[in-house]
PDB file of N, CA and C in Angstrom:
ATOM      1  N   MET A   1       0.835  -1.183   0.000  1.00  0.00           N
ATOM      2  CA  MET A   1       0.000   0.000   0.000  1.00  0.00           C
ATOM      3  C   MET A   1       0.879   1.246   0.000  1.00  0.00           C
ATOM      4  N   ILE A   2       0.411   2.260  -0.711  1.00  0.00           N
ATOM      5  CA  ILE A   2       1.118   3.525  -0.792  1.00  0.00           C
ATOM      6  C   ILE A   2       0.220   4.608  -0.213  1.00  0.00           C
ATOM      7  N   GLN A   3       0.813   5.483   0.559  1.00  0.00           N
ATOM      8  CA  GLN A   3       0.046   6.573   1.140  1.00  0.00           C
ATOM      9  C   GLN A   3       0.308   7.833   0.325  1.00  0.00           C
ATOM     10  N   SER A   4      -0.771   8.428  -0.167  1.00  0.00           N
ATOM     11  CA  SER A   4      -0.672   9.641  -0.956  1.00  0.00           C
ATOM     12  C   SER A   4      -0.313  10.821  -0.063  1.00  0.00           C
ATOM     13  N   LYS A   5       0.611  11.638  -0.502  1.00  0.00           N
ATOM     14  CA  LYS A   5       1.011  12.805   0.284  1.00  0.00           C
ATOM     15  C   LYS A   5      -0.029  13.915   0.198  1.00  0.00           C
ATOM     16  N   ALA A   6      -0.745  13.981  -0.926  1.00  0.00           N
ATOM     17  CA  ALA A   6      -1.681  15.080  -1.152  1.00  0.00           C
ATOM     18  C   ALA A   6      -2.830  15.089  -0.156  1.00  0.00           C
ATOM     19  N   ASP A   7      -3.474  13.959   0.032  1.00  0.00           N
ATOM     20  CA  ASP A   7      -4.639  13.945   0.921  1.00  0.00           C
ATOM     21  C   ASP A   7      -4.561  12.865   1.986  1.00  0.00           C
ATOM     22  N   GLU A   8      -3.390  12.253   2.144  1.00  0.00           N
ATOM     23  CA  GLU A   8      -3.181  11.243   3.177  1.00  0.00           C
ATOM     24  C   GLU A   8      -4.166  10.070   3.064  1.00  0.00           C
ATOM     25  N   THR A   9      -4.553   9.714   1.852  1.00  0.00           N
ATOM     26  CA  THR A   9      -5.440   8.592   1.609  1.00  0.00           C
ATOM     27  C   THR A   9      -4.611   7.366   1.256  1.00  0.00           C
ATOM     28  N   ILE A  10      -4.951   6.256   1.845  1.00  0.00           N
ATOM     29  CA  ILE A  10      -4.246   5.013   1.551  1.00  0.00           C
ATOM     30  C   ILE A  10      -4.849   4.386   0.300  1.00  0.00           C
ATOM     31  N   ILE A  11      -3.992   4.071  -0.660  1.00  0.00           N
ATOM     32  CA  ILE A  11      -4.417   3.431  -1.900  1.00  0.00           C
ATOM     33  C   ILE A  11      -4.095   1.952  -1.787  1.00  0.00           C
ATOM     34  N   THR A  12      -5.130   1.131  -1.823  1.00  0.00           N
ATOM     35  CA  THR A  12      -4.969  -0.310  -1.658  1.00  0.00           C
ATOM     36  C   THR A  12      -4.804  -1.005  -3.008  1.00  0.00           C
ATOM     37  N   ASP A  13      -4.450  -2.287  -2.954  1.00  0.00           N
ATOM     38  CA  ASP A  13      -4.352  -3.080  -4.179  1.00  0.00           C
ATOM     39  C   ASP A  13      -5.718  -3.197  -4.848  1.00  0.00           C
ATOM     40  N   LYS A  14      -6.771  -3.279  -4.056  1.00  0.00           N
ATOM     41  CA  LYS A  14      -8.123  -3.346  -4.622  1.00  0.00           C
ATOM     42  C   LYS A  14      -8.454  -2.048  -5.366  1.00  0.00           C
ATOM     43  N   ASP A  15      -8.031  -0.907  -4.820  1.00  0.00           N
ATOM     44  CA  ASP A  15      -8.234   0.370  -5.513  1.00  0.00           C
ATOM     45  C   ASP A  15      -7.536   0.342  -6.871  1.00  0.00           C
ATOM     46  N   ARG A  16      -6.324  -0.185  -6.898  1.00  0.00           N
ATOM     47  CA  ARG A  16      -5.576  -0.263  -8.158  1.00  0.00           C
ATOM     48  C   ARG A  16      -6.268  -1.187  -9.165  1.00  0.00           C
ATOM     49  N   GLU A  17      -6.799  -2.309  -8.688  1.00  0.00           N
ATOM     50  CA  GLU A  17      -7.532  -3.235  -9.564  1.00  0.00           C
ATOM     51  C   GLU A  17      -8.752  -2.559 -10.171  1.00  0.00           C
ATOM     52  N   LEU A  18      -9.526  -1.883  -9.330  1.00  0.00           N
ATOM     53  CA  LEU A  18     -10.729  -1.209  -9.815  1.00  0.00           C
ATOM     54  C   LEU A  18     -10.377  -0.065 -10.764  1.00  0.00           C
ATOM     55  N   ALA A  19      -9.314   0.668 -10.473  1.00  0.00           N
ATOM     56  CA  ALA A  19      -8.884   1.753 -11.356  1.00  0.00           C
ATOM     57  C   ALA A  19      -8.471   1.197 -12.716  1.00  0.00           C
ATOM     58  N   GLU A  20      -7.844   0.034 -12.719  1.00  0.00           N
ATOM     59  CA  GLU A  20      -7.463  -0.618 -13.978  1.00  0.00           C
ATOM     60  C   GLU A  20      -8.707  -1.002 -14.782  1.00  0.00           C
ATOM     61  N   LYS A  21      -9.749  -1.466 -14.094  1.00  0.00           N
ATOM     62  CA  LYS A  21     -11.009  -1.789 -14.781  1.00  0.00           C
ATOM     63  C   LYS A  21     -11.594  -0.545 -15.429  1.00  0.00           C
ATOM     64  N   CYS A  22     -11.499   0.584 -14.745  1.00  0.00           N
ATOM     65  CA  CYS A  22     -11.988   1.844 -15.305  1.00  0.00           C
ATOM     66  C   CYS A  22     -11.172   2.220 -16.546  1.00  0.00           C
ATOM     67  N   LEU A  23      -9.862   2.007 -16.488  1.00  0.00           N
ATOM     68  CA  LEU A  23      -9.006   2.301 -17.640  1.00  0.00           C
ATOM     69  C   LEU A  23      -9.374   1.443 -18.844  1.00  0.00           C
ATOM     70  N   GLN A  24      -9.872   0.235 -18.595  1.00  0.00           N
ATOM     71  CA  GLN A  24     -10.207  -0.678 -19.680  1.00  0.00           C
ATOM     72  C   GLN A  24     -11.682  -0.634 -20.068  1.00  0.00           C
ATOM     73  N   CYS A  25     -12.469   0.115 -19.329  1.00  0.00           N
ATOM     74  CA  CYS A  25     -13.906   0.207 -19.584  1.00  0.00           C
ATOM     75  C   CYS A  25     -14.158   0.939 -20.910  1.00  0.00           C
ATOM     76  N   PRO A  26     -14.887   0.324 -21.851  1.00  0.00           N
ATOM     77  CA  PRO A  26     -15.130   0.980 -23.137  1.00  0.00           C
ATOM     78  C   PRO A  26     -15.956   2.264 -23.010  1.00  0.00           C
ATOM     79  N   VAL A  27     -16.848   2.321 -22.050  1.00  0.00           N
ATOM     80  CA  VAL A  27     -17.668   3.523 -21.857  1.00  0.00           C
ATOM     81  C   VAL A  27     -16.797   4.676 -21.358  1.00  0.00           C
ATOM     82  N   CYS A  28     -15.995   4.415 -20.336  1.00  0.00           N
ATOM     83  CA  CYS A  28     -15.116   5.461 -19.800  1.00  0.00           C
ATOM     84  C   CYS A  28     -14.059   5.875 -20.819  1.00  0.00           C
ATOM     85  N   ASN A  29     -13.524   4.918 -21.564  1.00  0.00           N
ATOM     86  CA  ASN A  29     -12.536   5.242 -22.597  1.00  0.00           C
ATOM     87  C   ASN A  29     -13.128   6.167 -23.648  1.00  0.00           C
ATOM     88  N   HIS A  30     -14.363   5.891 -24.054  1.00  0.00           N
ATOM     89  CA  HIS A  30     -15.038   6.742 -25.035  1.00  0.00           C
ATOM     90  C   HIS A  30     -15.177   8.166 -24.481  1.00  0.00           C
ATOM     91  N   ALA A  31     -15.597   8.270 -23.225  1.00  0.00           N
ATOM     92  CA  ALA A  31     -15.765   9.585 -22.595  1.00  0.00           C
ATOM     93  C   ALA A  31     -14.430  10.323 -22.505  1.00  0.00           C
ATOM     94  N   ARG A  32     -13.364   9.613 -22.145  1.00  0.00           N
ATOM     95  CA  ARG A  32     -12.046  10.254 -22.040  1.00  0.00           C
ATOM     96  C   ARG A  32     -11.556  10.747 -23.404  1.00  0.00           C
ATOM     97  N   LYS A  33     -11.833   9.988 -24.459  1.00  0.00           N
ATOM     98  CA  LYS A  33     -11.343  10.349 -25.791  1.00  0.00           C
ATOM     99  C   LYS A  33     -12.180  11.433 -26.455  1.00  0.00           C
ATOM    100  N   LYS A  34     -13.505  11.321 -26.391  1.00  0.00           N
ATOM    101  CA  LYS A  34     -14.385  12.229 -27.133  1.00  0.00           C
ATOM    102  C   LYS A  34     -14.670  13.543 -26.408  1.00  0.00           C
ATOM    103  N   GLN A  35     -14.782  13.507 -25.083  1.00  0.00           N
ATOM    104  CA  GLN A  35     -15.046  14.701 -24.277  1.00  0.00           C
ATOM    105  C   GLN A  35     -16.346  15.419 -24.635  1.00  0.00           C
ATOM    106  N   ARG A  36     -17.312  14.683 -25.191  1.00  0.00           N
ATOM    107  CA  ARG A  36     -18.622  15.259 -25.489  1.00  0.00           C
ATOM    108  C   ARG A  36     -19.606  14.126 -25.759  1.00  0.00           C
ATOM    109  N   GLY A  37     -20.879  14.470 -25.795  1.00  0.00           N
ATOM    110  CA  GLY A  37     -21.903  13.493 -26.135  1.00  0.00           C
ATOM    111  C   GLY A  37     -22.557  12.854 -24.923  1.00  0.00           C
ATOM    112  N   ILE A  38     -23.497  11.968 -25.206  1.00  0.00           N
ATOM    113  CA  ILE A  38     -24.309  11.331 -24.168  1.00  0.00           C
ATOM    114  C   ILE A  38     -23.476  10.419 -23.268  1.00  0.00           C
ATOM    115  N   ILE A  39     -22.516   9.714 -23.839  1.00  0.00           N
ATOM    116  CA  ILE A  39     -21.682   8.825 -23.026  1.00  0.00           C
ATOM    117  C   ILE A  39     -20.801   9.644 -22.085  1.00  0.00           C
ATOM    118  N   PHE A  40     -20.258  10.743 -22.579  1.00  0.00           N
ATOM    119  CA  PHE A  40     -19.461  11.637 -21.733  1.00  0.00           C
ATOM    120  C   PHE A  40     -20.311  12.141 -20.571  1.00  0.00           C
ATOM    121  N   TRP A  41     -21.518  12.596 -20.869  1.00  0.00           N
ATOM    122  CA  TRP A  41     -22.424  13.098 -19.832  1.00  0.00           C
ATOM    123  C   TRP A  41     -22.725  12.001 -18.813  1.00  0.00           C
ATOM    124  N   PHE A  42     -23.007  10.794 -19.317  1.00  0.00           N
ATOM    125  CA  PHE A  42     -23.331   9.654 -18.462  1.00  0.00           C
ATOM    126  C   PHE A  42     -22.184   9.356 -17.494  1.00  0.00           C
ATOM    127  N   VAL A  43     -20.980   9.269 -18.011  1.00  0.00           N
ATOM    128  CA  VAL A  43     -19.813   8.970 -17.170  1.00  0.00           C
ATOM    129  C   VAL A  43     -19.581  10.108 -16.179  1.00  0.00           C
ATOM    130  N   LYS A  44     -19.695  11.333 -16.636  1.00  0.00           N
ATOM    131  CA  LYS A  44     -19.463  12.495 -15.778  1.00  0.00           C
ATOM    132  C   LYS A  44     -20.436  12.524 -14.603  1.00  0.00           C
ATOM    133  N   LYS A  45     -21.684  12.145 -14.842  1.00  0.00           N
ATOM    134  CA  LYS A  45     -22.703  12.184 -13.791  1.00  0.00           C
ATOM    135  C   LYS A  45     -22.623  10.991 -12.840  1.00  0.00           C
ATOM    136  N   LEU A  46     -22.159   9.842 -13.316  1.00  0.00           N
ATOM    137  CA  LEU A  46     -22.221   8.624 -12.515  1.00  0.00           C
ATOM    138  C   LEU A  46     -20.885   8.109 -12.000  1.00  0.00           C
ATOM    139  N   GLU A  47     -19.777   8.644 -12.474  1.00  0.00           N
ATOM    140  CA  GLU A  47     -18.468   8.064 -12.199  1.00  0.00           C
ATOM    141  C   GLU A  47     -18.130   7.892 -10.718  1.00  0.00           C
ATOM    142  N   SER A  48     -18.283   8.918  -9.923  1.00  0.00           N
ATOM    143  CA  SER A  48     -17.857   8.785  -8.528  1.00  0.00           C
ATOM    144  C   SER A  48     -19.015   8.559  -7.577  1.00  0.00           C
ATOM    145  N   GLY A  49     -20.235   8.650  -8.065  1.00  0.00           N
ATOM    146  CA  GLY A  49     -21.381   8.438  -7.198  1.00  0.00           C
ATOM    147  C   GLY A  49     -21.852   7.001  -7.163  1.00  0.00           C
ATOM    148  N   ILE A  50     -21.759   6.312  -8.281  1.00  0.00           N
ATOM    149  CA  ILE A  50     -22.312   4.959  -8.378  1.00  0.00           C
ATOM    150  C   ILE A  50     -21.244   3.915  -8.690  1.00  0.00           C
ATOM    151  N   CYS A  51     -20.347   4.240  -9.586  1.00  0.00           N
ATOM    152  CA  CYS A  51     -19.375   3.256 -10.081  1.00  0.00           C
ATOM    153  C   CYS A  51     -18.169   3.128  -9.142  1.00  0.00           C
ATOM    154  N   PRO A  52     -17.949   1.942  -8.567  1.00  0.00           N
ATOM    155  CA  PRO A  52     -16.785   1.767  -7.690  1.00  0.00           C
ATOM    156  C   PRO A  52     -15.459   1.878  -8.449  1.00  0.00           C
ATOM    157  N   ALA A  53     -15.455   1.492  -9.724  1.00  0.00           N
ATOM    158  CA  ALA A  53     -14.231   1.616 -10.519  1.00  0.00           C
ATOM    159  C   ALA A  53     -13.910   3.088 -10.771  1.00  0.00           C
ATOM    160  N   GLY A  54     -14.934   3.902 -11.000  1.00  0.00           N
ATOM    161  CA  GLY A  54     -14.730   5.342 -11.189  1.00  0.00           C
ATOM    162  C   GLY A  54     -14.203   6.009  -9.932  1.00  0.00           C
ATOM    163  N   LYS A  55     -14.716   5.588  -8.790  1.00  0.00           N
ATOM    164  CA  LYS A  55     -14.234   6.122  -7.507  1.00  0.00           C
ATOM    165  C   LYS A  55     -12.764   5.765  -7.308  1.00  0.00           C
ATOM    166  N   ALA A  56     -12.431   4.514  -7.600  1.00  0.00           N
ATOM    167  CA  ALA A  56     -11.048   4.057  -7.434  1.00  0.00           C
ATOM    168  C   ALA A  56     -10.118   4.772  -8.408  1.00  0.00           C
ATOM    169  N   TYR A  57     -10.577   4.978  -9.642  1.00  0.00           N
ATOM    170  CA  TYR A  57      -9.780   5.690 -10.643  1.00  0.00           C
ATOM    171  C   TYR A  57      -9.423   7.083 -10.136  1.00  0.00           C
ATOM    172  N   GLU A  58     -10.420   7.774  -9.592  1.00  0.00           N
ATOM    173  CA  GLU A  58     -10.188   9.118  -9.061  1.00  0.00           C
ATOM    174  C   GLU A  58      -9.205   9.088  -7.890  1.00  0.00           C
ATOM    175  N   LYS A  59      -9.329   8.096  -7.044  1.00  0.00           N
ATOM    176  CA  LYS A  59      -8.455   7.971  -5.877  1.00  0.00           C
ATOM    177  C   LYS A  59      -7.008   7.687  -6.290  1.00  0.00           C
ATOM    178  N   VAL A  60      -6.832   6.799  -7.254  1.00  0.00           N
ATOM    179  CA  VAL A  60      -5.485   6.386  -7.676  1.00  0.00           C
ATOM    180  C   VAL A  60      -4.815   7.438  -8.562  1.00  0.00           C
ATOM    181  N   TYR A  61      -5.562   7.986  -9.539  1.00  0.00           N
ATOM    182  CA  TYR A  61      -4.967   8.890 -10.527  1.00  0.00           C
ATOM    183  C   TYR A  61      -5.218  10.375 -10.252  1.00  0.00           C
ATOM    184  N   HIS A  62      -5.982  10.686  -9.228  1.00  0.00           N
ATOM    185  CA  HIS A  62      -6.268  12.073  -8.838  1.00  0.00           C
ATOM    186  C   HIS A  62      -6.892  12.885  -9.968  1.00  0.00           C
ATOM    187  N   ARG A  63      -7.730  12.232 -10.757  1.00  0.00           N
ATOM    188  CA  ARG A  63      -8.537  12.924 -11.763  1.00  0.00           C
ATOM    189  C   ARG A  63      -9.801  12.112 -11.993  1.00  0.00           C
ATOM    190  N   LYS A  64     -10.820  12.754 -12.502  1.00  0.00           N
ATOM    191  CA  LYS A  64     -12.106  12.108 -12.731  1.00  0.00           C
ATOM    192  C   LYS A  64     -12.001  11.135 -13.905  1.00  0.00           C
ATOM    193  N   ALA A  65     -12.889  10.144 -13.914  1.00  0.00           N
ATOM    194  CA  ALA A  65     -12.861   9.113 -14.954  1.00  0.00           C
ATOM    195  C   ALA A  65     -13.145   9.675 -16.340  1.00  0.00           C
ATOM    196  N   HIS A  66     -13.852  10.795 -16.430  1.00  0.00           N
ATOM    197  CA  HIS A  66     -14.170  11.374 -17.738  1.00  0.00           C
ATOM    198  C   HIS A  66     -13.078  12.307 -18.259  1.00  0.00           C
ATOM    199  N   GLU A  67     -12.143  12.682 -17.411  1.00  0.00           N
ATOM    200  CA  GLU A  67     -11.091  13.610 -17.832  1.00  0.00           C
ATOM    201  C   GLU A  67     -10.086  12.901 -18.736  1.00  0.00           C
ATOM    202  N   PRO A  68      -9.608  13.591 -19.764  1.00  0.00           N
ATOM    203  CA  PRO A  68      -8.660  12.944 -20.680  1.00  0.00           C
ATOM    204  C   PRO A  68      -7.351  12.596 -19.980  1.00  0.00           C
ATOM    205  N   ILE A  69      -6.721  11.552 -20.459  1.00  0.00           N
ATOM    206  CA  ILE A  69      -5.415  11.153 -19.928  1.00  0.00           C
ATOM    207  C   ILE A  69      -4.377  12.097 -20.525  1.00  0.00           C
ATOM    208  N   PRO A  70      -3.593  12.762 -19.683  1.00  0.00           N
ATOM    209  CA  PRO A  70      -2.604  13.709 -20.214  1.00  0.00           C
ATOM    210  C   PRO A  70      -1.547  12.998 -21.056  1.00  0.00           C
ATOM    211  N   GLU A  71      -1.199  13.622 -22.161  1.00  0.00           N
ATOM    212  CA  GLU A  71      -0.154  13.058 -23.021  1.00  0.00           C
ATOM    213  C   GLU A  71       1.203  13.495 -22.492  1.00  0.00           C
ATOM    214  N   GLU A  72       2.139  12.586 -22.539  1.00  0.00           N
ATOM    215  CA  GLU A  72       3.482  12.895 -22.016  1.00  0.00           C
ATOM    216  C   GLU A  72       4.462  13.080 -23.126  1.00  0.00           C
TER     217      GLU A  72
END
């Protein structure tokens, strides 16, 4: 387990597993890539309230499931 310095939240292995599921989710991937439309709206409204994978994604990566992945 790793403790985040930003908010002192412990990130567990289960959080990492769920965040990985969010990364592989076709609905969330569509929302991250397109940034518009009904699927984007759906993910934006439900990601951290209902979906455990969306909650874990936010906890692990410190960004919402609908936000685009920054290019490096």
